[in-house]
Amino acid sequence: MKKDLFQNKKLITTGGVIILCLVLVAFFPRKDVFQGIIVNLTFLLIIPILYIKIILKKKLGNFGLQTGDKKKGIIWAVLSLVVSLLIFYIIYNYTSFSEYYRLPQRIMTDFWFFIFFEVLLIGSITVLYEFFFRGFVMFNFTEKFGYWAVIAQFLLFILFLLATGNLGWSIIPIIISAPFAGITAYKSRSLIYSLGVSLFFVIISDALVIGLSR
């Protein structure tokens, strides 16, 4: 009884920290891109890591920073990528996505800039989202809520995008991959494979957009 009460208090406290971090990311003042990077790094990565190590006193491996189950990771990553691409195909062909989804003009003509844009810029954002939502959020609640934690991290991600004014056509690929990345991380107990799902899907979907627009 006392143990359950302690666990519930810890989950409530952790939930408060999660909400606080997201609120600060959304509304903390920043004057330029560099300050924006610092804000995102601080509240989506550094503070969660410090909270895990100092307050929860747990290993980062418990939050996905480990190899995990390689077999399940690869299988679920491939399945997730295939399903995500099928959903993308439907959205591209049967919605207004192709009219409103815009990529920087240079990446449509310069291969190396495309690689730089996808791996460094989009990749950096993906890593932060992956650690915070699939790692910090989801793995904090999987023990008590199971699969519901996968759904919770996805819904929280959508609410975060709404709060920051970033919910639009430009973020659709990352939104599509989010629940499947969550399932992959849940099954494999690792962020390695879920990060692969998110990053490869965005790269492939952007490459398809470029190819189909010519």
N, C-alpha and C. Protein backbone atom coordinates (compact mmCIF):
# COMPACT_ATOMS: atom_id res chain seq x y z
N MET A 1 0.83 -1.21 0.00
CA MET A 1 0.00 0.00 0.00
C MET A 1 0.86 1.26 0.00
N LYS A 2 1.83 1.29 0.93
CA LYS A 2 2.72 2.45 1.02
C LYS A 2 3.57 2.56 -0.24
N LYS A 3 3.99 1.40 -0.77
CA LYS A 3 4.79 1.40 -1.99
C LYS A 3 3.99 1.96 -3.16
N ASP A 4 2.73 1.53 -3.28
CA ASP A 4 1.87 2.03 -4.36
C ASP A 4 1.64 3.53 -4.24
N LEU A 5 1.45 4.00 -3.01
CA LEU A 5 1.24 5.42 -2.77
C LEU A 5 2.47 6.22 -3.17
N PHE A 6 3.65 5.68 -2.84
CA PHE A 6 4.91 6.33 -3.18
C PHE A 6 5.08 6.39 -4.70
N GLN A 7 4.76 5.26 -5.37
CA GLN A 7 4.88 5.20 -6.82
C GLN A 7 3.94 6.20 -7.49
N ASN A 8 2.72 6.31 -6.96
CA ASN A 8 1.75 7.25 -7.52
C ASN A 8 2.20 8.70 -7.35
N LYS A 9 2.75 9.00 -6.19
CA LYS A 9 3.27 10.36 -5.94
C LYS A 9 4.41 10.67 -6.90
N LYS A 10 5.26 9.66 -7.13
CA LYS A 10 6.40 9.86 -8.03
C LYS A 10 5.93 10.09 -9.47
N LEU A 11 4.89 9.36 -9.87
CA LEU A 11 4.35 9.54 -11.21
C LEU A 11 3.71 10.91 -11.38
N ILE A 12 3.01 11.36 -10.35
CA ILE A 12 2.38 12.69 -10.38
C ILE A 12 3.45 13.78 -10.46
N THR A 13 4.50 13.62 -9.66
CA THR A 13 5.61 14.59 -9.69
C THR A 13 6.26 14.61 -11.06
N THR A 14 6.50 13.42 -11.61
CA THR A 14 7.11 13.32 -12.93
C THR A 14 6.22 13.95 -13.99
N GLY A 15 4.91 13.72 -13.89
CA GLY A 15 3.97 14.35 -14.81
C GLY A 15 4.04 15.86 -14.74
N GLY A 16 4.20 16.38 -13.53
CA GLY A 16 4.34 17.83 -13.34
C GLY A 16 5.59 18.36 -13.99
N VAL A 17 6.69 17.61 -13.87
CA VAL A 17 7.96 18.02 -14.49
C VAL A 17 7.83 18.01 -16.00
N ILE A 18 7.16 17.00 -16.54
CA ILE A 18 6.95 16.91 -17.98
C ILE A 18 6.16 18.11 -18.50
N ILE A 19 5.05 18.41 -17.85
CA ILE A 19 4.22 19.56 -18.25
C ILE A 19 5.01 20.86 -18.13
N LEU A 20 5.76 21.02 -17.04
CA LEU A 20 6.56 22.24 -16.84
C LEU A 20 7.58 22.41 -17.95
N CYS A 21 8.27 21.34 -18.32
CA CYS A 21 9.27 21.41 -19.39
C CYS A 21 8.63 21.84 -20.70
N LEU A 22 7.47 21.27 -21.02
CA LEU A 22 6.79 21.60 -22.28
C LEU A 22 6.28 23.04 -22.28
N VAL A 23 5.76 23.49 -21.15
CA VAL A 23 5.29 24.87 -21.04
C VAL A 23 6.45 25.84 -21.23
N LEU A 24 7.59 25.53 -20.63
CA LEU A 24 8.76 26.40 -20.74
C LEU A 24 9.30 26.42 -22.17
N VAL A 25 9.29 25.26 -22.84
CA VAL A 25 9.71 25.22 -24.24
C VAL A 25 8.78 26.08 -25.09
N ALA A 26 7.50 25.99 -24.81
CA ALA A 26 6.50 26.71 -25.61
C ALA A 26 6.54 28.22 -25.40
N PHE A 27 6.78 28.64 -24.16
CA PHE A 27 6.59 30.06 -23.84
C PHE A 27 7.84 30.79 -23.34
N PHE A 28 8.95 30.07 -23.17
CA PHE A 28 10.18 30.73 -22.71
C PHE A 28 10.66 31.69 -23.80
N PRO A 29 10.93 32.96 -23.45
CA PRO A 29 11.32 33.94 -24.48
C PRO A 29 12.66 33.60 -25.12
N ARG A 30 12.73 33.78 -26.43
CA ARG A 30 13.98 33.61 -27.14
C ARG A 30 14.02 34.62 -28.28
N LYS A 31 15.22 35.19 -28.53
CA LYS A 31 15.36 36.28 -29.49
C LYS A 31 15.82 35.80 -30.86
N ASP A 32 16.48 34.67 -30.92
CA ASP A 32 17.00 34.19 -32.19
C ASP A 32 17.04 32.67 -32.21
N VAL A 33 17.51 32.12 -33.33
CA VAL A 33 17.56 30.67 -33.51
C VAL A 33 18.47 30.01 -32.47
N PHE A 34 19.62 30.64 -32.19
CA PHE A 34 20.56 30.07 -31.23
C PHE A 34 19.91 29.93 -29.85
N GLN A 35 19.21 30.97 -29.41
CA GLN A 35 18.53 30.90 -28.11
C GLN A 35 17.43 29.84 -28.13
N GLY A 36 16.79 29.68 -29.28
CA GLY A 36 15.77 28.64 -29.42
C GLY A 36 16.37 27.25 -29.25
N ILE A 37 17.55 27.05 -29.82
CA ILE A 37 18.26 25.77 -29.68
C ILE A 37 18.59 25.50 -28.22
N ILE A 38 19.08 26.52 -27.53
CA ILE A 38 19.43 26.37 -26.11
C ILE A 38 18.20 26.02 -25.28
N VAL A 39 17.08 26.69 -25.56
CA VAL A 39 15.84 26.42 -24.83
C VAL A 39 15.40 24.98 -25.03
N ASN A 40 15.41 24.53 -26.29
CA ASN A 40 15.00 23.15 -26.59
C ASN A 40 15.92 22.13 -25.94
N LEU A 41 17.22 22.35 -26.03
CA LEU A 41 18.18 21.44 -25.41
C LEU A 41 18.00 21.37 -23.91
N THR A 42 17.78 22.53 -23.31
CA THR A 42 17.65 22.60 -21.84
C THR A 42 16.43 21.86 -21.34
N PHE A 43 15.26 22.13 -21.94
CA PHE A 43 14.02 21.60 -21.38
C PHE A 43 13.57 20.26 -21.97
N LEU A 44 14.11 19.90 -23.13
CA LEU A 44 13.73 18.61 -23.72
C LEU A 44 14.79 17.54 -23.50
N LEU A 45 15.99 17.94 -23.09
CA LEU A 45 17.07 16.96 -22.93
C LEU A 45 17.77 17.05 -21.58
N ILE A 46 18.35 18.21 -21.28
CA ILE A 46 19.20 18.34 -20.10
C ILE A 46 18.41 18.17 -18.80
N ILE A 47 17.32 18.91 -18.64
CA ILE A 47 16.53 18.81 -17.40
C ILE A 47 15.94 17.40 -17.22
N PRO A 48 15.37 16.79 -18.26
CA PRO A 48 14.90 15.41 -18.08
C PRO A 48 16.00 14.44 -17.65
N ILE A 49 17.20 14.58 -18.23
CA ILE A 49 18.31 13.70 -17.84
C ILE A 49 18.69 13.92 -16.39
N LEU A 50 18.79 15.18 -15.98
CA LEU A 50 19.12 15.49 -14.58
C LEU A 50 18.04 14.96 -13.64
N TYR A 51 16.80 15.09 -14.04
CA TYR A 51 15.69 14.60 -13.21
C TYR A 51 15.76 13.08 -13.04
N ILE A 52 16.05 12.39 -14.15
CA ILE A 52 16.17 10.93 -14.11
C ILE A 52 17.31 10.49 -13.19
N LYS A 53 18.46 11.15 -13.33
CA LYS A 53 19.65 10.74 -12.59
C LYS A 53 19.60 11.17 -11.13
N ILE A 54 19.15 12.40 -10.86
CA ILE A 54 19.24 12.96 -9.50
C ILE A 54 17.98 12.68 -8.67
N ILE A 55 16.81 12.88 -9.25
CA ILE A 55 15.56 12.72 -8.50
C ILE A 55 15.06 11.27 -8.53
N LEU A 56 14.93 10.72 -9.73
CA LEU A 56 14.44 9.34 -9.84
C LEU A 56 15.51 8.32 -9.50
N LYS A 57 16.77 8.74 -9.65
CA LYS A 57 17.93 7.86 -9.38
C LYS A 57 17.84 6.56 -10.19
N LYS A 58 17.55 6.72 -11.47
CA LYS A 58 17.45 5.57 -12.36
C LYS A 58 18.50 5.68 -13.47
N LYS A 59 18.73 4.55 -14.13
CA LYS A 59 19.67 4.53 -15.25
C LYS A 59 18.97 5.04 -16.51
N LEU A 60 19.74 5.71 -17.35
CA LEU A 60 19.17 6.22 -18.60
C LEU A 60 18.73 5.07 -19.51
N GLY A 61 19.32 3.90 -19.30
CA GLY A 61 18.91 2.73 -20.07
C GLY A 61 17.45 2.37 -19.86
N ASN A 62 16.92 2.69 -18.68
CA ASN A 62 15.50 2.43 -18.40
C ASN A 62 14.58 3.32 -19.24
N PHE A 63 15.17 4.35 -19.84
CA PHE A 63 14.38 5.30 -20.63
C PHE A 63 14.75 5.22 -22.11
N GLY A 64 15.25 4.06 -22.51
CA GLY A 64 15.48 3.82 -23.93
C GLY A 64 16.89 4.01 -24.42
N LEU A 65 17.78 4.54 -23.59
CA LEU A 65 19.17 4.74 -24.03
C LEU A 65 19.96 3.46 -23.80
N GLN A 66 19.60 2.45 -24.56
CA GLN A 66 20.24 1.15 -24.49
C GLN A 66 19.98 0.42 -25.80
N THR A 67 20.67 -0.70 -26.01
CA THR A 67 20.48 -1.47 -27.23
C THR A 67 19.11 -2.13 -27.27
N GLY A 68 18.64 -2.59 -26.12
CA GLY A 68 17.32 -3.21 -26.05
C GLY A 68 17.26 -4.55 -26.76
N ASP A 69 16.06 -4.91 -27.18
CA ASP A 69 15.84 -6.17 -27.89
C ASP A 69 16.05 -5.93 -29.39
N LYS A 70 17.20 -6.37 -29.90
CA LYS A 70 17.55 -6.09 -31.29
C LYS A 70 16.55 -6.68 -32.28
N LYS A 71 16.17 -7.93 -32.04
CA LYS A 71 15.25 -8.60 -32.97
C LYS A 71 13.92 -7.88 -33.05
N LYS A 72 13.33 -7.60 -31.89
CA LYS A 72 12.05 -6.88 -31.87
C LYS A 72 12.22 -5.47 -32.43
N GLY A 73 13.35 -4.85 -32.11
CA GLY A 73 13.60 -3.50 -32.59
C GLY A 73 13.61 -3.41 -34.10
N ILE A 74 14.32 -4.34 -34.74
CA ILE A 74 14.42 -4.34 -36.20
C ILE A 74 13.08 -4.68 -36.84
N ILE A 75 12.42 -5.72 -36.31
CA ILE A 75 11.13 -6.15 -36.87
C ILE A 75 10.09 -5.03 -36.78
N TRP A 76 9.96 -4.44 -35.60
CA TRP A 76 8.95 -3.38 -35.42
C TRP A 76 9.33 -2.10 -36.14
N ALA A 77 10.62 -1.84 -36.28
CA ALA A 77 11.06 -0.65 -37.02
C ALA A 77 10.68 -0.78 -38.49
N VAL A 78 10.92 -1.95 -39.07
CA VAL A 78 10.58 -2.18 -40.48
C VAL A 78 9.07 -2.11 -40.68
N LEU A 79 8.31 -2.79 -39.82
CA LEU A 79 6.85 -2.75 -39.92
C LEU A 79 6.31 -1.33 -39.78
N SER A 80 6.86 -0.60 -38.81
CA SER A 80 6.41 0.78 -38.57
C SER A 80 6.72 1.67 -39.76
N LEU A 81 7.89 1.47 -40.35
CA LEU A 81 8.28 2.28 -41.50
C LEU A 81 7.36 2.00 -42.69
N VAL A 82 7.06 0.74 -42.92
CA VAL A 82 6.18 0.36 -44.04
C VAL A 82 4.77 0.95 -43.85
N VAL A 83 4.21 0.80 -42.66
CA VAL A 83 2.86 1.32 -42.38
C VAL A 83 2.85 2.85 -42.49
N SER A 84 3.89 3.49 -41.97
CA SER A 84 3.99 4.96 -42.03
C SER A 84 4.01 5.43 -43.48
N LEU A 85 4.75 4.72 -44.33
CA LEU A 85 4.83 5.10 -45.74
C LEU A 85 3.49 4.88 -46.45
N LEU A 86 2.77 3.85 -46.07
CA LEU A 86 1.43 3.62 -46.65
C LEU A 86 0.48 4.76 -46.27
N ILE A 87 0.55 5.17 -45.01
CA ILE A 87 -0.28 6.29 -44.55
C ILE A 87 0.11 7.57 -45.28
N PHE A 88 1.42 7.77 -45.47
CA PHE A 88 1.91 8.95 -46.18
C PHE A 88 1.40 8.95 -47.62
N TYR A 89 1.41 7.78 -48.25
CA TYR A 89 0.92 7.66 -49.63
C TYR A 89 -0.55 8.09 -49.72
N ILE A 90 -1.35 7.65 -48.78
CA ILE A 90 -2.78 8.00 -48.75
C ILE A 90 -2.96 9.51 -48.55
N ILE A 91 -2.22 10.05 -47.58
CA ILE A 91 -2.33 11.49 -47.29
C ILE A 91 -1.87 12.32 -48.49
N TYR A 92 -0.78 11.89 -49.13
CA TYR A 92 -0.24 12.64 -50.27
C TYR A 92 -1.23 12.65 -51.44
N ASN A 93 -1.88 11.53 -51.68
CA ASN A 93 -2.74 11.41 -52.85
C ASN A 93 -4.19 11.83 -52.63
N TYR A 94 -4.65 11.82 -51.38
CA TYR A 94 -6.07 12.05 -51.14
C TYR A 94 -6.36 13.25 -50.23
N THR A 95 -5.35 14.06 -49.97
CA THR A 95 -5.57 15.30 -49.21
C THR A 95 -4.87 16.45 -49.93
N SER A 96 -4.88 17.61 -49.31
CA SER A 96 -4.22 18.79 -49.90
C SER A 96 -2.76 18.89 -49.49
N PHE A 97 -2.21 17.81 -48.97
CA PHE A 97 -0.84 17.82 -48.47
C PHE A 97 0.16 18.34 -49.51
N SER A 98 0.09 17.83 -50.73
CA SER A 98 1.06 18.20 -51.76
C SER A 98 1.01 19.69 -52.11
N GLU A 99 -0.14 20.33 -51.86
CA GLU A 99 -0.27 21.75 -52.16
C GLU A 99 0.35 22.63 -51.08
N TYR A 100 0.35 22.14 -49.85
CA TYR A 100 0.76 22.98 -48.72
C TYR A 100 2.10 22.59 -48.09
N TYR A 101 2.57 21.39 -48.37
CA TYR A 101 3.85 20.95 -47.78
C TYR A 101 4.98 21.56 -48.59
N ARG A 102 5.77 22.39 -47.97
CA ARG A 102 6.84 23.10 -48.66
C ARG A 102 8.20 22.79 -48.05
N LEU A 103 9.15 22.49 -48.93
CA LEU A 103 10.53 22.27 -48.52
C LEU A 103 11.37 23.43 -49.03
N PRO A 104 12.48 23.75 -48.35
CA PRO A 104 13.37 24.81 -48.86
C PRO A 104 13.78 24.50 -50.30
N GLN A 105 13.74 25.52 -51.14
CA GLN A 105 14.01 25.32 -52.57
C GLN A 105 15.37 24.67 -52.82
N ARG A 106 16.35 25.03 -52.01
CA ARG A 106 17.71 24.54 -52.26
C ARG A 106 17.82 23.02 -52.11
N ILE A 107 17.08 22.44 -51.14
CA ILE A 107 17.23 20.99 -50.94
C ILE A 107 16.59 20.20 -52.07
N MET A 108 15.80 20.88 -52.90
CA MET A 108 15.16 20.20 -54.01
C MET A 108 16.08 20.10 -55.22
N THR A 109 17.18 20.84 -55.18
CA THR A 109 18.12 20.82 -56.31
C THR A 109 19.54 20.47 -55.91
N ASP A 110 19.84 20.53 -54.61
CA ASP A 110 21.20 20.28 -54.13
C ASP A 110 21.19 19.06 -53.21
N PHE A 111 21.74 17.93 -53.69
CA PHE A 111 21.71 16.67 -52.94
C PHE A 111 22.40 16.80 -51.59
N TRP A 112 23.58 17.41 -51.56
CA TRP A 112 24.34 17.49 -50.31
C TRP A 112 23.67 18.41 -49.30
N PHE A 113 23.01 19.45 -49.79
CA PHE A 113 22.26 20.29 -48.86
C PHE A 113 21.04 19.53 -48.33
N PHE A 114 20.47 18.67 -49.16
CA PHE A 114 19.37 17.82 -48.72
C PHE A 114 19.82 16.93 -47.56
N ILE A 115 20.99 16.31 -47.71
CA ILE A 115 21.54 15.45 -46.65
C ILE A 115 21.80 16.27 -45.38
N PHE A 116 22.40 17.45 -45.56
CA PHE A 116 22.67 18.33 -44.41
C PHE A 116 21.38 18.71 -43.71
N PHE A 117 20.39 19.11 -44.47
CA PHE A 117 19.10 19.54 -43.92
C PHE A 117 18.41 18.41 -43.16
N GLU A 118 18.37 17.24 -43.77
CA GLU A 118 17.64 16.12 -43.17
C GLU A 118 18.36 15.53 -41.96
N VAL A 119 19.66 15.31 -42.10
CA VAL A 119 20.41 14.62 -41.04
C VAL A 119 20.72 15.55 -39.87
N LEU A 120 21.22 16.76 -40.15
CA LEU A 120 21.63 17.65 -39.07
C LEU A 120 20.46 18.47 -38.51
N LEU A 121 19.71 19.12 -39.36
CA LEU A 121 18.64 20.00 -38.87
C LEU A 121 17.42 19.19 -38.41
N ILE A 122 16.82 18.45 -39.33
CA ILE A 122 15.66 17.64 -38.97
C ILE A 122 16.06 16.54 -37.99
N GLY A 123 17.25 15.98 -38.19
CA GLY A 123 17.73 14.93 -37.29
C GLY A 123 17.87 15.39 -35.86
N SER A 124 18.36 16.62 -35.67
CA SER A 124 18.53 17.16 -34.31
C SER A 124 17.19 17.32 -33.61
N ILE A 125 16.21 17.84 -34.34
CA ILE A 125 14.86 18.00 -33.78
C ILE A 125 14.27 16.64 -33.44
N THR A 126 14.47 15.68 -34.35
CA THR A 126 13.94 14.33 -34.15
C THR A 126 14.53 13.67 -32.91
N VAL A 127 15.83 13.85 -32.71
CA VAL A 127 16.50 13.27 -31.53
C VAL A 127 15.90 13.83 -30.25
N LEU A 128 15.69 15.14 -30.20
CA LEU A 128 15.11 15.77 -29.01
C LEU A 128 13.70 15.26 -28.75
N TYR A 129 12.87 15.23 -29.79
CA TYR A 129 11.50 14.73 -29.64
C TYR A 129 11.50 13.26 -29.22
N GLU A 130 12.40 12.50 -29.80
CA GLU A 130 12.46 11.07 -29.51
C GLU A 130 12.79 10.83 -28.04
N PHE A 131 13.82 11.53 -27.56
CA PHE A 131 14.21 11.32 -26.17
C PHE A 131 13.12 11.79 -25.21
N PHE A 132 12.56 12.97 -25.48
CA PHE A 132 11.59 13.52 -24.53
C PHE A 132 10.27 12.74 -24.54
N PHE A 133 9.67 12.57 -25.72
CA PHE A 133 8.33 11.97 -25.77
C PHE A 133 8.36 10.44 -25.67
N ARG A 134 9.22 9.79 -26.43
CA ARG A 134 9.28 8.33 -26.34
C ARG A 134 10.11 7.88 -25.14
N GLY A 135 11.18 8.59 -24.83
CA GLY A 135 12.03 8.21 -23.71
C GLY A 135 11.52 8.67 -22.37
N PHE A 136 11.57 9.96 -22.13
CA PHE A 136 11.22 10.52 -20.83
C PHE A 136 9.73 10.34 -20.50
N VAL A 137 8.86 10.67 -21.43
CA VAL A 137 7.42 10.58 -21.17
C VAL A 137 6.95 9.12 -21.15
N MET A 138 7.14 8.44 -22.27
CA MET A 138 6.55 7.11 -22.40
C MET A 138 7.11 6.09 -21.41
N PHE A 139 8.43 6.03 -21.30
CA PHE A 139 9.02 5.02 -20.43
C PHE A 139 8.80 5.30 -18.95
N ASN A 140 8.42 6.52 -18.62
CA ASN A 140 8.07 6.81 -17.23
C ASN A 140 6.74 6.16 -16.85
N PHE A 141 5.88 5.94 -17.85
CA PHE A 141 4.53 5.48 -17.55
C PHE A 141 4.20 4.08 -18.07
N THR A 142 5.14 3.43 -18.77
CA THR A 142 4.84 2.11 -19.34
C THR A 142 4.61 1.05 -18.27
N GLU A 143 5.34 1.12 -17.18
CA GLU A 143 5.21 0.09 -16.15
C GLU A 143 3.80 0.06 -15.55
N LYS A 144 3.22 1.22 -15.39
CA LYS A 144 1.88 1.30 -14.78
C LYS A 144 0.75 1.26 -15.80
N PHE A 145 0.98 1.83 -16.97
CA PHE A 145 -0.11 1.98 -17.94
C PHE A 145 0.05 1.16 -19.21
N GLY A 146 1.18 0.51 -19.40
CA GLY A 146 1.38 -0.33 -20.57
C GLY A 146 1.26 0.43 -21.89
N TYR A 147 0.47 -0.16 -22.83
CA TYR A 147 0.32 0.44 -24.16
C TYR A 147 -0.29 1.84 -24.12
N TRP A 148 -1.04 2.14 -23.07
CA TRP A 148 -1.65 3.46 -22.97
C TRP A 148 -0.58 4.56 -22.94
N ALA A 149 0.61 4.22 -22.48
CA ALA A 149 1.70 5.20 -22.44
C ALA A 149 2.12 5.60 -23.85
N VAL A 150 2.00 4.66 -24.80
CA VAL A 150 2.31 4.96 -26.21
C VAL A 150 1.33 5.99 -26.74
N ILE A 151 0.06 5.79 -26.45
CA ILE A 151 -0.98 6.73 -26.89
C ILE A 151 -0.82 8.07 -26.19
N ALA A 152 -0.49 8.02 -24.89
CA ALA A 152 -0.35 9.26 -24.11
C ALA A 152 0.77 10.14 -24.65
N GLN A 153 1.91 9.53 -25.00
CA GLN A 153 3.02 10.34 -25.51
C GLN A 153 2.66 10.98 -26.84
N PHE A 154 1.88 10.27 -27.66
CA PHE A 154 1.47 10.81 -28.95
C PHE A 154 0.51 11.99 -28.78
N LEU A 155 -0.48 11.82 -27.92
CA LEU A 155 -1.45 12.89 -27.67
C LEU A 155 -0.78 14.11 -27.05
N LEU A 156 0.17 13.87 -26.15
CA LEU A 156 0.91 14.98 -25.53
C LEU A 156 1.74 15.71 -26.58
N PHE A 157 2.29 14.97 -27.52
CA PHE A 157 3.07 15.57 -28.61
C PHE A 157 2.18 16.47 -29.46
N ILE A 158 0.97 16.01 -29.78
CA ILE A 158 0.03 16.82 -30.56
C ILE A 158 -0.35 18.09 -29.81
N LEU A 159 -0.62 17.97 -28.52
CA LEU A 159 -0.96 19.14 -27.70
C LEU A 159 0.19 20.12 -27.65
N PHE A 160 1.41 19.60 -27.59
CA PHE A 160 2.60 20.44 -27.58
C PHE A 160 2.71 21.22 -28.89
N LEU A 161 2.48 20.56 -30.00
CA LEU A 161 2.52 21.23 -31.30
C LEU A 161 1.45 22.31 -31.40
N LEU A 162 0.27 22.02 -30.87
CA LEU A 162 -0.81 23.01 -30.85
C LEU A 162 -0.41 24.23 -30.03
N ALA A 163 0.16 23.99 -28.86
CA ALA A 163 0.54 25.07 -27.95
C ALA A 163 1.63 25.95 -28.53
N THR A 164 2.52 25.35 -29.31
CA THR A 164 3.63 26.11 -29.88
C THR A 164 3.31 26.67 -31.26
N GLY A 165 2.11 26.39 -31.76
CA GLY A 165 1.71 26.89 -33.07
C GLY A 165 2.40 26.18 -34.22
N ASN A 166 2.88 24.97 -33.98
CA ASN A 166 3.63 24.23 -35.00
C ASN A 166 2.83 23.10 -35.64
N LEU A 167 1.55 23.01 -35.31
CA LEU A 167 0.73 21.95 -35.89
C LEU A 167 0.25 22.39 -37.26
N GLY A 168 0.88 21.84 -38.29
CA GLY A 168 0.53 22.22 -39.65
C GLY A 168 1.05 21.19 -40.63
N TRP A 169 0.93 21.49 -41.92
CA TRP A 169 1.34 20.54 -42.96
C TRP A 169 2.82 20.21 -42.87
N SER A 170 3.64 21.17 -42.46
CA SER A 170 5.09 20.96 -42.45
C SER A 170 5.55 19.90 -41.46
N ILE A 171 4.72 19.62 -40.47
CA ILE A 171 5.11 18.68 -39.42
C ILE A 171 4.43 17.31 -39.60
N ILE A 172 3.63 17.17 -40.66
CA ILE A 172 2.87 15.93 -40.89
C ILE A 172 3.74 14.67 -40.87
N PRO A 173 4.90 14.64 -41.57
CA PRO A 173 5.71 13.42 -41.53
C PRO A 173 6.12 13.00 -40.11
N ILE A 174 6.49 13.97 -39.28
CA ILE A 174 6.89 13.65 -37.91
C ILE A 174 5.68 13.17 -37.10
N ILE A 175 4.51 13.75 -37.37
CA ILE A 175 3.28 13.31 -36.68
C ILE A 175 2.93 11.87 -37.07
N ILE A 176 3.05 11.56 -38.36
CA ILE A 176 2.73 10.20 -38.82
C ILE A 176 3.61 9.17 -38.12
N SER A 177 4.89 9.48 -38.01
CA SER A 177 5.83 8.50 -37.45
C SER A 177 5.76 8.39 -35.93
N ALA A 178 5.22 9.41 -35.25
CA ALA A 178 5.26 9.46 -33.78
C ALA A 178 4.63 8.24 -33.09
N PRO A 179 3.40 7.84 -33.44
CA PRO A 179 2.83 6.67 -32.74
C PRO A 179 3.57 5.38 -33.04
N PHE A 180 4.06 5.24 -34.28
CA PHE A 180 4.77 4.02 -34.66
C PHE A 180 6.17 3.96 -34.04
N ALA A 181 6.78 5.13 -33.90
CA ALA A 181 8.06 5.19 -33.18
C ALA A 181 7.84 4.79 -31.72
N GLY A 182 6.70 5.22 -31.17
CA GLY A 182 6.36 4.86 -29.80
C GLY A 182 6.19 3.36 -29.64
N ILE A 183 5.49 2.72 -30.57
CA ILE A 183 5.29 1.27 -30.52
C ILE A 183 6.63 0.54 -30.63
N THR A 184 7.49 1.01 -31.55
CA THR A 184 8.80 0.39 -31.74
C THR A 184 9.64 0.50 -30.48
N ALA A 185 9.65 1.68 -29.87
CA ALA A 185 10.41 1.87 -28.63
C ALA A 185 9.84 1.01 -27.51
N TYR A 186 8.53 0.92 -27.44
CA TYR A 186 7.86 0.12 -26.40
C TYR A 186 8.22 -1.36 -26.54
N LYS A 187 8.20 -1.86 -27.75
CA LYS A 187 8.48 -3.27 -28.00
C LYS A 187 9.95 -3.62 -27.79
N SER A 188 10.83 -2.72 -28.19
CA SER A 188 12.27 -3.00 -28.14
C SER A 188 12.94 -2.52 -26.87
N ARG A 189 12.25 -1.65 -26.12
CA ARG A 189 12.81 -1.01 -24.92
C ARG A 189 14.04 -0.16 -25.27
N SER A 190 14.06 0.36 -26.48
CA SER A 190 15.20 1.16 -26.93
C SER A 190 14.74 2.28 -27.86
N LEU A 191 15.43 3.42 -27.77
CA LEU A 191 15.14 4.55 -28.65
C LEU A 191 15.92 4.47 -29.96
N ILE A 192 16.86 3.54 -30.04
CA ILE A 192 17.67 3.43 -31.25
C ILE A 192 16.79 3.13 -32.46
N TYR A 193 15.92 2.17 -32.32
CA TYR A 193 15.10 1.72 -33.44
C TYR A 193 13.96 2.70 -33.73
N SER A 194 13.41 3.29 -32.68
CA SER A 194 12.34 4.27 -32.89
C SER A 194 12.89 5.53 -33.55
N LEU A 195 14.12 5.91 -33.19
CA LEU A 195 14.76 7.05 -33.85
C LEU A 195 14.98 6.74 -35.32
N GLY A 196 15.37 5.49 -35.60
CA GLY A 196 15.55 5.07 -36.99
C GLY A 196 14.25 5.20 -37.77
N VAL A 197 13.14 4.79 -37.16
CA VAL A 197 11.83 4.90 -37.81
C VAL A 197 11.52 6.36 -38.14
N SER A 198 11.66 7.22 -37.14
CA SER A 198 11.32 8.64 -37.31
C SER A 198 12.19 9.31 -38.36
N LEU A 199 13.51 9.10 -38.26
CA LEU A 199 14.44 9.79 -39.14
C LEU A 199 14.37 9.27 -40.57
N PHE A 200 14.37 7.95 -40.73
CA PHE A 200 14.31 7.38 -42.08
C PHE A 200 12.98 7.71 -42.76
N PHE A 201 11.91 7.73 -41.99
CA PHE A 201 10.61 8.05 -42.59
C PHE A 201 10.58 9.48 -43.10
N VAL A 202 11.10 10.42 -42.32
CA VAL A 202 11.11 11.82 -42.75
C VAL A 202 11.98 11.99 -43.99
N ILE A 203 13.15 11.35 -44.00
CA ILE A 203 14.05 11.44 -45.15
C ILE A 203 13.39 10.86 -46.40
N ILE A 204 12.80 9.67 -46.26
CA ILE A 204 12.16 9.01 -47.41
C ILE A 204 10.96 9.82 -47.90
N SER A 205 10.13 10.30 -46.98
CA SER A 205 8.94 11.06 -47.38
C SER A 205 9.33 12.36 -48.08
N ASP A 206 10.37 13.05 -47.59
CA ASP A 206 10.82 14.28 -48.24
C ASP A 206 11.41 13.97 -49.62
N ALA A 207 12.14 12.86 -49.72
CA ALA A 207 12.70 12.46 -51.01
C ALA A 207 11.58 12.15 -52.01
N LEU A 208 10.52 11.51 -51.53
CA LEU A 208 9.38 11.21 -52.39
C LEU A 208 8.68 12.49 -52.85
N VAL A 209 8.54 13.45 -51.94
CA VAL A 209 7.92 14.73 -52.29
C VAL A 209 8.73 15.42 -53.39
N ILE A 210 10.05 15.42 -53.24
CA ILE A 210 10.92 16.03 -54.25
C ILE A 210 10.78 15.31 -55.59
N GLY A 211 10.82 13.97 -55.54
CA GLY A 211 10.72 13.18 -56.76
C GLY A 211 9.39 13.35 -57.47
N LEU A 212 8.31 13.38 -56.72
CA LEU A 212 6.97 13.48 -57.31
C LEU A 212 6.64 14.88 -57.80
N SER A 213 7.38 15.88 -57.30
CA SER A 213 7.10 17.26 -57.69
C SER A 213 7.80 17.64 -58.99
N ARG A 214 8.65 16.77 -59.48
CA ARG A 214 9.39 17.09 -60.72
C ARG A 214 8.62 16.65 -61.96
